[in-house]
Amino acid sequence: MPTPNTFPTLCSERLVLREMRDGDLERLCAYLGDFEISRSLSSQPYPFLEADGRAFIAQALENNAAQNVTWAIELDGRFCGCFKVKELQGDANLGYWLGREHWGKGLMSEALHAVLTYLFEERQLLVVRGGVFKENPASLGVLTKAGFKITGEGKLACRARSNVELDEFRLQLTRDDFFG
């Protein structure tokens, strides 16, 4: 039986969500070096350089899985994006992205369902939160399709855009609503 400190590898119909690897570096840098991806993320720089990728992977591997988990999303044996959940001992908050060629195929909805099942069943969380920039309707759609409800609005800096503050929706999903 895995403990909260064991890295949780998750599988869905098409995806494996696994620990980051050094071998993910090239595709990680290519994907986050695409402004169309990084413009919708709060904490990633643009341009995204190899040193940023090495730091990203190192931080993901150093995380205590009881507190923060960064999954590499793998499709057909190849890295295609990331999914992160932080503050697992408190107000769990998630974030995610996929390489552009993987958009519009239902992959993130599939990954989200696997992560939520893990968080609510294995980790026994009661609430999971997320946020999306208002100008990102696709991400908002992924969350609302999974049952997330908008709980408020705010502003969040986007590092890829010189830390300009963008309007965001804040959302949450309760365990009861997920299983209801």
Protein backbone atom coordinates (compact mmCIF):
# COMPACT_ATOMS: atom_id res chain seq x y z
CA MET A 1 0.00 0.00 0.00
CA PRO A 2 1.59 3.31 -1.05
CA THR A 3 2.04 5.96 1.60
CA PRO A 4 1.47 9.69 1.02
CA ASN A 5 5.27 10.01 0.61
CA THR A 6 5.41 7.44 -2.22
CA PHE A 7 5.27 8.95 -5.69
CA PRO A 8 1.82 8.07 -7.08
CA THR A 9 1.98 6.81 -10.67
CA LEU A 10 -1.49 7.02 -12.23
CA CYS A 11 -2.85 5.35 -15.36
CA SER A 12 -5.89 6.13 -17.47
CA GLU A 13 -7.14 4.71 -20.75
CA ARG A 14 -4.48 6.49 -22.87
CA LEU A 15 -2.15 8.13 -20.36
CA VAL A 16 0.45 7.40 -17.73
CA LEU A 17 1.05 10.12 -15.15
CA ARG A 18 4.49 9.44 -13.76
CA GLU A 19 7.47 11.04 -12.10
CA MET A 20 9.50 13.49 -14.19
CA ARG A 21 12.72 12.16 -15.77
CA ASP A 22 15.86 13.79 -17.13
CA GLY A 23 14.83 12.35 -20.51
CA ASP A 24 11.80 14.70 -20.51
CA LEU A 25 14.05 17.77 -20.78
CA GLU A 26 14.06 18.24 -24.55
CA ARG A 27 10.28 18.03 -24.99
CA LEU A 28 9.67 20.01 -21.76
CA CYS A 29 11.80 22.87 -23.12
CA ALA A 30 10.19 22.67 -26.56
CA TYR A 31 6.67 22.80 -25.12
CA LEU A 32 7.27 25.56 -22.55
CA GLY A 33 9.31 27.42 -25.15
CA ASP A 34 6.03 27.78 -27.09
CA PHE A 35 4.52 31.12 -26.06
CA GLU A 36 1.01 29.81 -26.75
CA ILE A 37 1.53 27.44 -23.81
CA SER A 38 3.55 29.61 -21.42
CA ARG A 39 1.22 32.61 -21.84
CA SER A 40 -1.49 30.71 -19.94
CA LEU A 41 0.74 29.66 -17.02
CA SER A 42 1.48 31.83 -14.03
CA SER A 43 4.93 30.67 -12.98
CA GLN A 44 6.89 29.66 -16.09
CA PRO A 45 9.29 32.10 -17.77
CA TYR A 46 9.39 32.93 -21.45
CA PRO A 47 11.63 32.27 -23.15
CA PHE A 48 11.96 28.90 -21.41
CA LEU A 49 15.60 27.83 -21.59
CA GLU A 50 17.37 24.51 -20.95
CA ALA A 51 18.46 25.77 -17.51
CA ASP A 52 14.79 26.45 -16.70
CA GLY A 53 13.92 22.92 -17.78
CA ARG A 54 16.66 21.39 -15.63
CA ALA A 55 15.46 23.43 -12.64
CA PHE A 56 11.84 22.40 -13.34
CA ILE A 57 12.73 18.70 -13.37
CA ALA A 58 14.99 19.00 -10.30
CA GLN A 59 12.26 20.72 -8.31
CA ALA A 60 9.68 18.12 -9.38
CA LEU A 61 11.99 15.32 -8.24
CA GLU A 62 12.80 17.04 -4.93
CA ASN A 63 9.14 17.51 -4.00
CA ASN A 64 7.85 15.65 -0.97
CA ALA A 65 4.94 13.69 -2.49
CA ALA A 66 2.99 14.14 0.73
CA GLN A 67 2.88 17.88 -0.01
CA ASN A 68 3.42 18.56 -3.74
CA VAL A 69 3.28 16.25 -6.77
CA THR A 70 4.35 17.06 -10.32
CA TRP A 71 3.39 14.40 -12.83
CA ALA A 72 4.82 14.03 -16.30
CA ILE A 73 1.94 13.18 -18.62
CA GLU A 74 2.93 10.43 -21.03
CA LEU A 75 1.05 9.39 -24.17
CA ASP A 76 2.25 6.38 -26.18
CA GLY A 77 5.49 6.36 -24.18
CA ARG A 78 6.28 10.03 -24.88
CA PHE A 79 6.19 13.05 -22.59
CA CYS A 80 3.37 15.40 -23.63
CA GLY A 81 2.69 17.70 -20.65
CA CYS A 82 2.58 18.19 -16.89
CA PHE A 83 0.10 18.12 -14.08
CA LYS A 84 0.92 19.56 -10.65
CA VAL A 85 -0.92 19.52 -7.35
CA LYS A 86 0.50 21.51 -4.47
CA GLU A 87 -0.43 22.04 -0.82
CA LEU A 88 -1.80 18.53 -0.42
CA GLN A 89 -1.82 18.96 3.36
CA GLY A 90 -3.98 22.09 3.13
CA ASP A 91 -5.85 23.82 0.31
CA ALA A 92 -4.85 21.55 -2.57
CA ASN A 93 -4.40 23.53 -5.76
CA LEU A 94 -3.81 22.15 -9.24
CA GLY A 95 -2.28 23.33 -12.47
CA TYR A 96 -1.57 21.65 -15.80
CA TRP A 97 -0.55 22.04 -19.41
CA LEU A 98 -0.13 20.00 -22.59
CA GLY A 99 2.03 20.40 -25.67
CA ARG A 100 0.08 22.20 -28.37
CA GLU A 101 -0.18 19.20 -30.73
CA HIS A 102 -2.10 17.39 -27.98
CA TRP A 103 -4.78 20.07 -27.51
CA GLY A 104 -8.40 19.30 -28.28
CA LYS A 105 -8.15 15.51 -27.91
CA GLY A 106 -9.63 15.13 -24.42
CA LEU A 107 -6.27 14.23 -22.90
CA MET A 108 -6.33 16.83 -20.15
CA SER A 109 -9.85 15.86 -19.12
CA GLU A 110 -8.64 12.26 -18.91
CA ALA A 111 -5.58 13.25 -16.85
CA LEU A 112 -7.71 15.45 -14.58
CA HIS A 113 -10.12 12.59 -13.86
CA ALA A 114 -7.23 10.29 -12.91
CA VAL A 115 -5.73 12.94 -10.61
CA LEU A 116 -9.06 13.80 -8.97
CA THR A 117 -9.85 10.14 -8.37
CA TYR A 118 -6.46 9.76 -6.68
CA LEU A 119 -6.87 12.94 -4.59
CA PHE A 120 -10.39 12.16 -3.38
CA GLU A 121 -10.03 8.37 -2.95
CA GLU A 122 -6.41 7.82 -1.91
CA ARG A 123 -5.58 11.14 -0.27
CA GLN A 124 -9.09 11.64 1.15
CA LEU A 125 -9.14 15.35 0.24
CA LEU A 126 -12.42 17.20 0.69
CA VAL A 127 -11.80 20.10 -1.72
CA VAL A 128 -9.50 20.71 -4.70
CA ARG A 129 -8.97 24.21 -6.08
CA GLY A 130 -7.72 25.62 -9.34
CA GLY A 131 -7.49 28.85 -11.24
CA VAL A 132 -7.48 29.82 -14.90
CA PHE A 133 -6.85 33.05 -16.68
CA LYS A 134 -10.16 34.38 -18.01
CA GLU A 135 -8.69 34.46 -21.51
CA ASN A 136 -8.20 30.67 -21.44
CA PRO A 137 -11.68 29.23 -22.13
CA ALA A 138 -10.30 25.78 -23.02
CA SER A 139 -8.82 25.31 -19.54
CA LEU A 140 -11.96 26.68 -17.93
CA GLY A 141 -13.92 24.13 -19.95
CA VAL A 142 -11.73 21.25 -18.73
CA LEU A 143 -12.40 22.20 -15.10
CA THR A 144 -16.12 22.93 -15.40
CA LYS A 145 -16.69 19.72 -17.39
CA ALA A 146 -15.14 17.86 -14.42
CA GLY A 147 -17.58 19.57 -12.05
CA PHE A 148 -15.52 22.52 -10.77
CA LYS A 149 -17.55 25.61 -9.84
CA ILE A 150 -16.35 29.19 -10.08
CA THR A 151 -15.96 30.53 -6.54
CA GLY A 152 -14.48 33.92 -7.28
CA GLU A 153 -12.30 36.09 -9.42
CA GLY A 154 -8.96 37.73 -8.90
CA LYS A 155 -5.72 38.72 -10.53
CA LEU A 156 -2.59 36.63 -10.95
CA ALA A 157 0.76 37.57 -12.42
CA CYS A 158 1.93 35.79 -15.56
CA ARG A 159 5.71 35.41 -15.48
CA ALA A 160 5.91 34.70 -19.23
CA ARG A 161 4.36 38.12 -19.87
CA SER A 162 6.72 40.17 -17.69
CA ASN A 163 4.58 39.54 -14.59
CA VAL A 164 1.59 41.45 -15.91
CA GLU A 165 -1.45 40.73 -13.74
CA LEU A 166 -4.24 38.97 -15.57
CA ASP A 167 -7.85 38.39 -14.56
CA GLU A 168 -8.49 34.85 -13.40
CA PHE A 169 -11.37 32.65 -12.34
CA ARG A 170 -10.93 30.71 -9.11
CA LEU A 171 -12.66 27.36 -8.98
CA GLN A 172 -13.14 24.44 -6.66
CA LEU A 173 -14.52 20.92 -6.65
CA THR A 174 -15.66 19.11 -3.52
CA ARG A 175 -15.32 15.41 -2.93
CA ASP A 176 -19.11 15.13 -2.59
CA ASP A 177 -19.68 16.83 -5.97
CA PHE A 178 -17.06 14.63 -7.65
CA PHE A 179 -18.65 11.42 -6.42
CA GLY A 180 -22.22 12.77 -6.50
